[in-house]
């Protein structure tokens, strides 16, 4: 009885050790490379300043590749008025 329990314990321990080694290796292989993340902030209602921000965002996409960068433009204060229609 003790030999059977010992054998089962060793088997479970071997499986656990194998999973401990293999699971991180699999998860590392499946992760995609980190993207560049950029946030532009606009707090001005001036159309020229908005144009600068939009040009900078486009330049960032061209320099890093559109799929390699995540861009966000945050507007607040008078900058929000530029987003309103009409």
PDB file of N, CA and C in Angstrom:
ATOM      1  N   UNK A   1       0.823  -1.192   0.000  1.00  0.00           N
ATOM      2  CA  UNK A   1       0.000   0.000   0.000  1.00  0.00           C
ATOM      3  C   UNK A   1       0.872   1.262   0.000  1.00  0.00           C
ATOM      4  N   UNK A   2       1.887   1.281   0.819  1.00  0.00           N
ATOM      5  CA  UNK A   2       2.770   2.435   0.901  1.00  0.00           C
ATOM      6  C   UNK A   2       3.539   2.607  -0.406  1.00  0.00           C
ATOM      7  N   UNK A   3       3.942   1.488  -1.056  1.00  0.00           N
ATOM      8  CA  UNK A   3       4.658   1.574  -2.323  1.00  0.00           C
ATOM      9  C   UNK A   3       3.774   2.194  -3.402  1.00  0.00           C
ATOM     10  N   UNK A   4       2.504   1.831  -3.397  1.00  0.00           N
ATOM     11  CA  UNK A   4       1.575   2.377  -4.391  1.00  0.00           C
ATOM     12  C   UNK A   4       1.398   3.880  -4.175  1.00  0.00           C
ATOM     13  N   UNK A   5       1.218   4.288  -2.922  1.00  0.00           N
ATOM     14  CA  UNK A   5       1.063   5.711  -2.615  1.00  0.00           C
ATOM     15  C   UNK A   5       2.324   6.487  -2.973  1.00  0.00           C
ATOM     16  N   UNK A   6       3.466   5.885  -2.667  1.00  0.00           N
ATOM     17  CA  UNK A   6       4.729   6.532  -2.983  1.00  0.00           C
ATOM     18  C   UNK A   6       4.886   6.688  -4.500  1.00  0.00           C
ATOM     19  N   UNK A   7       4.527   5.660  -5.245  1.00  0.00           N
ATOM     20  CA  UNK A   7       4.624   5.685  -6.699  1.00  0.00           C
ATOM     21  C   UNK A   7       3.680   6.752  -7.280  1.00  0.00           C
ATOM     22  N   UNK A   8       2.461   6.832  -6.744  1.00  0.00           N
ATOM     23  CA  UNK A   8       1.508   7.846  -7.207  1.00  0.00           C
ATOM     24  C   UNK A   8       2.012   9.256  -6.876  1.00  0.00           C
ATOM     25  N   UNK A   9       2.565   9.404  -5.687  1.00  0.00           N
ATOM     26  CA  UNK A   9       3.086  10.708  -5.279  1.00  0.00           C
ATOM     27  C   UNK A   9       4.219  11.149  -6.198  1.00  0.00           C
ATOM     28  N   UNK A  10       5.118  10.238  -6.503  1.00  0.00           N
ATOM     29  CA  UNK A  10       6.238  10.551  -7.389  1.00  0.00           C
ATOM     30  C   UNK A  10       5.722  10.880  -8.794  1.00  0.00           C
ATOM     31  N   UNK A  11       4.710  10.165  -9.258  1.00  0.00           N
ATOM     32  CA  UNK A  11       4.143  10.441 -10.581  1.00  0.00           C
ATOM     33  C   UNK A  11       3.508  11.828 -10.630  1.00  0.00           C
ATOM     34  N   UNK A  12       2.737  12.160  -9.607  1.00  0.00           N
ATOM     35  CA  UNK A  12       2.096  13.475  -9.542  1.00  0.00           C
ATOM     36  C   UNK A  12       3.155  14.569  -9.453  1.00  0.00           C
ATOM     37  N   UNK A  13       4.181  14.334  -8.670  1.00  0.00           N
ATOM     38  CA  UNK A  13       5.258  15.307  -8.528  1.00  0.00           C
ATOM     39  C   UNK A  13       5.989  15.521  -9.856  1.00  0.00           C
ATOM     40  N   UNK A  14       6.208  14.451 -10.604  1.00  0.00           N
ATOM     41  CA  UNK A  14       6.882  14.557 -11.900  1.00  0.00           C
ATOM     42  C   UNK A  14       6.033  15.342 -12.898  1.00  0.00           C
ATOM     43  N   UNK A  15       4.732  15.092 -12.911  1.00  0.00           N
ATOM     44  CA  UNK A  15       3.835  15.826 -13.808  1.00  0.00           C
ATOM     45  C   UNK A  15       3.808  17.307 -13.431  1.00  0.00           C
ATOM     46  N   UNK A  16       3.727  17.591 -12.133  1.00  0.00           N
ATOM     47  CA  UNK A  16       3.714  18.982 -11.676  1.00  0.00           C
ATOM     48  C   UNK A  16       5.012  19.694 -12.054  1.00  0.00           C
ATOM     49  N   UNK A  17       6.127  19.022 -11.916  1.00  0.00           N
ATOM     50  CA  UNK A  17       7.415  19.622 -12.276  1.00  0.00           C
ATOM     51  C   UNK A  17       7.484  19.890 -13.779  1.00  0.00           C
ATOM     52  N   UNK A  18       6.992  18.951 -14.575  1.00  0.00           N
ATOM     53  CA  UNK A  18       7.002  19.133 -16.030  1.00  0.00           C
ATOM     54  C   UNK A  18       6.114  20.306 -16.437  1.00  0.00           C
ATOM     55  N   UNK A  19       4.943  20.425 -15.830  1.00  0.00           N
ATOM     56  CA  UNK A  19       4.044  21.536 -16.143  1.00  0.00           C
ATOM     57  C   UNK A  19       4.637  22.870 -15.717  1.00  0.00           C
ATOM     58  N   UNK A  20       5.339  22.864 -14.597  1.00  0.00           N
ATOM     59  CA  UNK A  20       5.964  24.095 -14.117  1.00  0.00           C
ATOM     60  C   UNK A  20       6.996  24.606 -15.115  1.00  0.00           C
ATOM     61  N   UNK A  21       7.675  23.701 -15.773  1.00  0.00           N
ATOM     62  CA  UNK A  21       8.696  24.090 -16.742  1.00  0.00           C
ATOM     63  C   UNK A  21       8.074  24.423 -18.098  1.00  0.00           C
ATOM     64  N   UNK A  22       7.075  23.656 -18.539  1.00  0.00           N
ATOM     65  CA  UNK A  22       6.536  23.812 -19.883  1.00  0.00           C
ATOM     66  C   UNK A  22       5.543  24.957 -20.031  1.00  0.00           C
ATOM     67  N   UNK A  23       4.704  25.199 -19.052  1.00  0.00           N
ATOM     68  CA  UNK A  23       3.656  26.214 -19.185  1.00  0.00           C
ATOM     69  C   UNK A  23       4.235  27.612 -19.390  1.00  0.00           C
ATOM     70  N   UNK A  24       5.225  28.062 -18.620  1.00  0.00           N
ATOM     71  CA  UNK A  24       5.777  29.392 -18.902  1.00  0.00           C
ATOM     72  C   UNK A  24       6.415  29.490 -20.287  1.00  0.00           C
ATOM     73  N   UNK A  25       7.037  28.428 -20.754  1.00  0.00           N
ATOM     74  CA  UNK A  25       7.667  28.459 -22.073  1.00  0.00           C
ATOM     75  C   UNK A  25       6.617  28.612 -23.168  1.00  0.00           C
ATOM     76  N   UNK A  26       5.487  27.952 -23.017  1.00  0.00           N
ATOM     77  CA  UNK A  26       4.414  28.060 -24.002  1.00  0.00           C
ATOM     78  C   UNK A  26       3.813  29.458 -23.973  1.00  0.00           C
ATOM     79  N   UNK A  27       3.589  30.016 -22.792  1.00  0.00           N
ATOM     80  CA  UNK A  27       2.982  31.346 -22.714  1.00  0.00           C
ATOM     81  C   UNK A  27       3.924  32.421 -23.250  1.00  0.00           C
ATOM     82  N   UNK A  28       5.209  32.258 -23.084  1.00  0.00           N
ATOM     83  CA  UNK A  28       6.166  33.220 -23.635  1.00  0.00           C
ATOM     84  C   UNK A  28       6.147  33.163 -25.161  1.00  0.00           C
ATOM     85  N   UNK A  29       6.036  31.975 -25.717  1.00  0.00           N
ATOM     86  CA  UNK A  29       6.038  31.824 -27.163  1.00  0.00           C
ATOM     87  C   UNK A  29       4.781  32.422 -27.793  1.00  0.00           C
ATOM     88  N   UNK A  30       3.660  32.472 -27.067  1.00  0.00           N
ATOM     89  CA  UNK A  30       2.411  32.951 -27.629  1.00  0.00           C
ATOM     90  C   UNK A  30       2.204  34.451 -27.466  1.00  0.00           C
ATOM     91  N   UNK A  31       2.980  35.112 -26.642  1.00  0.00           N
ATOM     92  CA  UNK A  31       2.772  36.545 -26.447  1.00  0.00           C
ATOM     93  C   UNK A  31       3.314  37.321 -27.635  1.00  0.00           C
ATOM     94  N   UNK A  32       2.597  38.370 -28.002  1.00  0.00           N
ATOM     95  CA  UNK A  32       3.042  39.207 -29.109  1.00  0.00           C
ATOM     96  C   UNK A  32       3.973  40.290 -28.574  1.00  0.00           C
ATOM     97  N   UNK A  33       4.795  40.822 -29.437  1.00  0.00           N
ATOM     98  CA  UNK A  33       5.706  41.866 -28.970  1.00  0.00           C
ATOM     99  C   UNK A  33       4.923  43.077 -28.463  1.00  0.00           C
ATOM    100  N   UNK A  34       5.495  43.737 -27.494  1.00  0.00           N
ATOM    101  CA  UNK A  34       4.823  44.893 -26.896  1.00  0.00           C
ATOM    102  C   UNK A  34       4.717  46.023 -27.911  1.00  0.00           C
ATOM    103  N   UNK A  35       3.558  46.666 -27.925  1.00  0.00           N
ATOM    104  CA  UNK A  35       3.359  47.806 -28.805  1.00  0.00           C
ATOM    105  C   UNK A  35       3.828  49.072 -28.111  1.00  0.00           C
ATOM    106  N   UNK A  36       4.192  50.042 -28.916  1.00  0.00           N
ATOM    107  CA  UNK A  36       4.479  51.370 -28.385  1.00  0.00           C
ATOM    108  C   UNK A  36       3.149  52.043 -28.096  1.00  0.00           C
ATOM    109  N   UNK A  37       3.069  52.735 -26.994  1.00  0.00           N
ATOM    110  CA  UNK A  37       1.837  53.422 -26.616  1.00  0.00           C
ATOM    111  C   UNK A  37       2.136  54.901 -26.451  1.00  0.00           C
ATOM    112  N   UNK A  38       1.350  55.725 -27.146  1.00  0.00           N
ATOM    113  CA  UNK A  38       1.566  57.169 -27.117  1.00  0.00           C
ATOM    114  C   UNK A  38       0.224  57.860 -26.894  1.00  0.00           C
ATOM    115  N   UNK A  39       0.224  58.842 -26.001  1.00  0.00           N
ATOM    116  CA  UNK A  39      -0.969  59.647 -25.749  1.00  0.00           C
ATOM    117  C   UNK A  39      -0.636  61.101 -26.064  1.00  0.00           C
ATOM    118  N   UNK A  40      -1.453  61.694 -26.926  1.00  0.00           N
ATOM    119  CA  UNK A  40      -1.350  63.122 -27.213  1.00  0.00           C
ATOM    120  C   UNK A  40      -2.491  63.811 -26.489  1.00  0.00           C
ATOM    121  N   UNK A  41      -2.236  64.978 -25.952  1.00  0.00           N
ATOM    122  CA  UNK A  41      -3.232  65.732 -25.200  1.00  0.00           C
ATOM    123  C   UNK A  41      -3.448  67.076 -25.841  1.00  0.00           C
ATOM    124  N   UNK A  42      -4.726  67.435 -25.996  1.00  0.00           N
ATOM    125  CA  UNK A  42      -5.077  68.727 -26.578  1.00  0.00           C
ATOM    126  C   UNK A  42      -6.036  69.431 -25.629  1.00  0.00           C
ATOM    127  N   UNK A  43      -5.639  70.611 -25.180  1.00  0.00           N
ATOM    128  CA  UNK A  43      -6.506  71.382 -24.285  1.00  0.00           C
ATOM    129  C   UNK A  43      -6.770  72.771 -24.858  1.00  0.00           C
ATOM    130  N   UNK A  44      -6.625  72.884 -26.166  1.00  0.00           N
ATOM    131  CA  UNK A  44      -6.775  74.173 -26.827  1.00  0.00           C
ATOM    132  C   UNK A  44      -7.757  74.028 -27.988  1.00  0.00           C
ATOM    133  N   UNK A  45      -8.561  75.038 -28.216  1.00  0.00           N
ATOM    134  CA  UNK A  45      -9.526  75.009 -29.311  1.00  0.00           C
ATOM    135  C   UNK A  45      -8.975  75.536 -30.622  1.00  0.00           C
ATOM    136  N   UNK A  46      -7.693  75.786 -30.687  1.00  0.00           N
ATOM    137  CA  UNK A  46      -7.052  76.328 -31.884  1.00  0.00           C
ATOM    138  C   UNK A  46      -6.871  75.221 -32.924  1.00  0.00           C
ATOM    139  N   UNK A  47      -7.388  75.460 -34.139  1.00  0.00           N
ATOM    140  CA  UNK A  47      -7.310  74.429 -35.179  1.00  0.00           C
ATOM    141  C   UNK A  47      -5.870  74.152 -35.608  1.00  0.00           C
ATOM    142  N   UNK A  48      -4.992  75.140 -35.527  1.00  0.00           N
ATOM    143  CA  UNK A  48      -3.587  74.914 -35.892  1.00  0.00           C
ATOM    144  C   UNK A  48      -2.915  73.958 -34.906  1.00  0.00           C
ATOM    145  N   UNK A  49      -3.238  74.090 -33.641  1.00  0.00           N
ATOM    146  CA  UNK A  49      -2.655  73.181 -32.646  1.00  0.00           C
ATOM    147  C   UNK A  49      -3.199  71.767 -32.819  1.00  0.00           C
ATOM    148  N   UNK A  50      -4.482  71.664 -33.178  1.00  0.00           N
ATOM    149  CA  UNK A  50      -5.039  70.349 -33.476  1.00  0.00           C
ATOM    150  C   UNK A  50      -4.325  69.746 -34.681  1.00  0.00           C
ATOM    151  N   UNK A  51      -4.057  70.566 -35.681  1.00  0.00           N
ATOM    152  CA  UNK A  51      -3.335  70.085 -36.859  1.00  0.00           C
ATOM    153  C   UNK A  51      -1.958  69.556 -36.498  1.00  0.00           C
ATOM    154  N   UNK A  52      -1.270  70.242 -35.584  1.00  0.00           N
ATOM    155  CA  UNK A  52       0.044  69.767 -35.130  1.00  0.00           C
ATOM    156  C   UNK A  52      -0.061  68.403 -34.460  1.00  0.00           C
ATOM    157  N   UNK A  53      -1.060  68.248 -33.612  1.00  0.00           N
ATOM    158  CA  UNK A  53      -1.234  66.970 -32.906  1.00  0.00           C
ATOM    159  C   UNK A  53      -1.543  65.855 -33.894  1.00  0.00           C
ATOM    160  N   UNK A  54      -2.439  66.118 -34.842  1.00  0.00           N
ATOM    161  CA  UNK A  54      -2.788  65.091 -35.829  1.00  0.00           C
ATOM    162  C   UNK A  54      -1.591  64.748 -36.717  1.00  0.00           C
ATOM    163  N   UNK A  55      -0.803  65.745 -37.093  1.00  0.00           N
ATOM    164  CA  UNK A  55       0.411  65.477 -37.883  1.00  0.00           C
ATOM    165  C   UNK A  55       1.427  64.671 -37.081  1.00  0.00           C
ATOM    166  N   UNK A  56       1.578  64.994 -35.808  1.00  0.00           N
ATOM    167  CA  UNK A  56       2.498  64.226 -34.963  1.00  0.00           C
ATOM    168  C   UNK A  56       2.038  62.781 -34.824  1.00  0.00           C
ATOM    169  N   UNK A  57       0.733  62.580 -34.712  1.00  0.00           N
ATOM    170  CA  UNK A  57       0.203  61.216 -34.618  1.00  0.00           C
ATOM    171  C   UNK A  57       0.482  60.448 -35.907  1.00  0.00           C
ATOM    172  N   UNK A  58       0.265  61.098 -37.050  1.00  0.00           N
ATOM    173  CA  UNK A  58       0.542  60.440 -38.329  1.00  0.00           C
ATOM    174  C   UNK A  58       2.032  60.133 -38.473  1.00  0.00           C
ATOM    175  N   UNK A  59       2.891  61.080 -38.081  1.00  0.00           N
ATOM    176  CA  UNK A  59       4.340  60.853 -38.146  1.00  0.00           C
ATOM    177  C   UNK A  59       4.755  59.676 -37.270  1.00  0.00           C
ATOM    178  N   UNK A  60       4.129  59.555 -36.114  1.00  0.00           N
ATOM    179  CA  UNK A  60       4.431  58.448 -35.206  1.00  0.00           C
ATOM    180  C   UNK A  60       4.050  57.115 -35.846  1.00  0.00           C
ATOM    181  N   UNK A  61       2.884  57.077 -36.499  1.00  0.00           N
ATOM    182  CA  UNK A  61       2.455  55.852 -37.180  1.00  0.00           C
ATOM    183  C   UNK A  61       3.398  55.500 -38.324  1.00  0.00           C
ATOM    184  N   UNK A  62       3.822  56.498 -39.074  1.00  0.00           N
ATOM    185  CA  UNK A  62       4.727  56.238 -40.195  1.00  0.00           C
ATOM    186  C   UNK A  62       6.098  55.777 -39.712  1.00  0.00           C
ATOM    187  N   UNK A  63       6.580  56.360 -38.626  1.00  0.00           N
ATOM    188  CA  UNK A  63       7.916  56.019 -38.121  1.00  0.00           C
ATOM    189  C   UNK A  63       7.950  54.635 -37.485  1.00  0.00           C
ATOM    190  N   UNK A  64       6.903  54.296 -36.729  1.00  0.00           N
ATOM    191  CA  UNK A  64       6.902  53.027 -35.995  1.00  0.00           C
ATOM    192  C   UNK A  64       6.112  51.931 -36.688  1.00  0.00           C
ATOM    193  N   UNK A  65       5.333  52.285 -37.693  1.00  0.00           N
ATOM    194  CA  UNK A  65       4.456  51.320 -38.345  1.00  0.00           C
ATOM    195  C   UNK A  65       3.090  51.351 -37.677  1.00  0.00           C
ATOM    196  N   UNK A  66       2.060  51.416 -38.474  1.00  0.00           N
ATOM    197  CA  UNK A  66       0.702  51.543 -37.949  1.00  0.00           C
ATOM    198  C   UNK A  66       0.291  50.445 -36.996  1.00  0.00           C
ATOM    199  N   UNK A  67       0.787  49.227 -37.204  1.00  0.00           N
ATOM    200  CA  UNK A  67       0.424  48.107 -36.331  1.00  0.00           C
ATOM    201  C   UNK A  67       1.307  48.013 -35.094  1.00  0.00           C
ATOM    202  N   UNK A  68       2.350  48.815 -35.028  1.00  0.00           N
ATOM    203  CA  UNK A  68       3.296  48.730 -33.913  1.00  0.00           C
ATOM    204  C   UNK A  68       3.118  49.827 -32.881  1.00  0.00           C
ATOM    205  N   UNK A  69       2.125  50.674 -33.077  1.00  0.00           N
ATOM    206  CA  UNK A  69       1.922  51.771 -32.132  1.00  0.00           C
ATOM    207  C   UNK A  69       0.428  51.928 -31.850  1.00  0.00           C
ATOM    208  N   UNK A  70       0.132  52.161 -30.597  1.00  0.00           N
ATOM    209  CA  UNK A  70      -1.247  52.439 -30.192  1.00  0.00           C
ATOM    210  C   UNK A  70      -1.297  53.910 -29.796  1.00  0.00           C
ATOM    211  N   UNK A  71      -2.075  54.685 -30.550  1.00  0.00           N
ATOM    212  CA  UNK A  71      -2.161  56.125 -30.325  1.00  0.00           C
ATOM    213  C   UNK A  71      -3.510  56.488 -29.723  1.00  0.00           C
ATOM    214  N   UNK A  72      -3.484  57.445 -28.830  1.00  0.00           N
ATOM    215  CA  UNK A  72      -4.711  58.013 -28.289  1.00  0.00           C
ATOM    216  C   UNK A  72      -4.540  59.520 -28.230  1.00  0.00           C
ATOM    217  N   UNK A  73      -5.594  60.217 -28.615  1.00  0.00           N
ATOM    218  CA  UNK A  73      -5.603  61.674 -28.506  1.00  0.00           C
ATOM    219  C   UNK A  73      -6.676  62.027 -27.488  1.00  0.00           C
ATOM    220  N   UNK A  74      -6.266  62.705 -26.438  1.00  0.00           N
ATOM    221  CA  UNK A  74      -7.168  63.073 -25.349  1.00  0.00           C
ATOM    222  C   UNK A  74      -7.421  64.568 -25.433  1.00  0.00           C
ATOM    223  N   UNK A  75      -8.706  64.938 -25.455  1.00  0.00           N
ATOM    224  CA  UNK A  75      -9.074  66.350 -25.505  1.00  0.00           C
ATOM    225  C   UNK A  75      -9.855  66.710 -24.252  1.00  0.00           C
ATOM    226  N   UNK A  76      -9.551  67.876 -23.718  1.00  0.00           N
ATOM    227  CA  UNK A  76     -10.329  68.386 -22.594  1.00  0.00           C
ATOM    228  C   UNK A  76     -10.327  69.904 -22.630  1.00  0.00           C
ATOM    229  N   UNK A  77     -11.212  70.487 -21.849  1.00  0.00           N
ATOM    230  CA  UNK A  77     -11.324  71.944 -21.840  1.00  0.00           C
ATOM    231  C   UNK A  77     -11.754  72.455 -23.204  1.00  0.00           C
ATOM    232  N   UNK A  78     -11.156  73.548 -23.676  1.00  0.00           N
ATOM    233  CA  UNK A  78     -11.514  74.112 -24.980  1.00  0.00           C
ATOM    234  C   UNK A  78     -11.228  73.156 -26.149  1.00  0.00           C
ATOM    235  N   UNK A  79     -10.361  72.184 -25.956  1.00  0.00           N
ATOM    236  CA  UNK A  79     -10.055  71.224 -27.016  1.00  0.00           C
ATOM    237  C   UNK A  79     -11.229  70.342 -27.382  1.00  0.00           C
ATOM    238  N   UNK A  80     -12.166  70.157 -26.454  1.00  0.00           N
ATOM    239  CA  UNK A  80     -13.343  69.325 -26.720  1.00  0.00           C
ATOM    240  C   UNK A  80     -14.235  69.986 -27.765  1.00  0.00           C
ATOM    241  N   UNK A  81     -14.268  71.310 -27.792  1.00  0.00           N
ATOM    242  CA  UNK A  81     -15.111  72.027 -28.755  1.00  0.00           C
ATOM    243  C   UNK A  81     -14.743  71.680 -30.192  1.00  0.00           C
ATOM    244  N   UNK A  82     -13.495  71.340 -30.447  1.00  0.00           N
ATOM    245  CA  UNK A  82     -13.065  70.984 -31.802  1.00  0.00           C
ATOM    246  C   UNK A  82     -13.652  69.646 -32.247  1.00  0.00           C
ATOM    247  N   UNK A  83     -14.095  68.829 -31.310  1.00  0.00           N
ATOM    248  CA  UNK A  83     -14.657  67.525 -31.642  1.00  0.00           C
ATOM    249  C   UNK A  83     -16.157  67.581 -31.892  1.00  0.00           C
ATOM    250  N   UNK A  84     -16.793  68.656 -31.510  1.00  0.00           N
ATOM    251  CA  UNK A  84     -18.243  68.779 -31.662  1.00  0.00           C
ATOM    252  C   UNK A  84     -18.596  69.075 -33.114  1.00  0.00           C
ATOM    253  N   UNK A  85     -19.671  68.441 -33.576  1.00  0.00           N
ATOM    254  CA  UNK A  85     -20.144  68.652 -34.944  1.00  0.00           C
ATOM    255  C   UNK A  85     -21.031  69.894 -34.971  1.00  0.00           C
ATOM    256  N   UNK A  86     -20.850  70.731 -35.995  1.00  0.00           N
ATOM    257  CA  UNK A  86     -21.725  71.887 -36.188  1.00  0.00           C
ATOM    258  C   UNK A  86     -21.229  73.043 -35.452  1.00  0.00           C
TER     259      UNK A  86
END
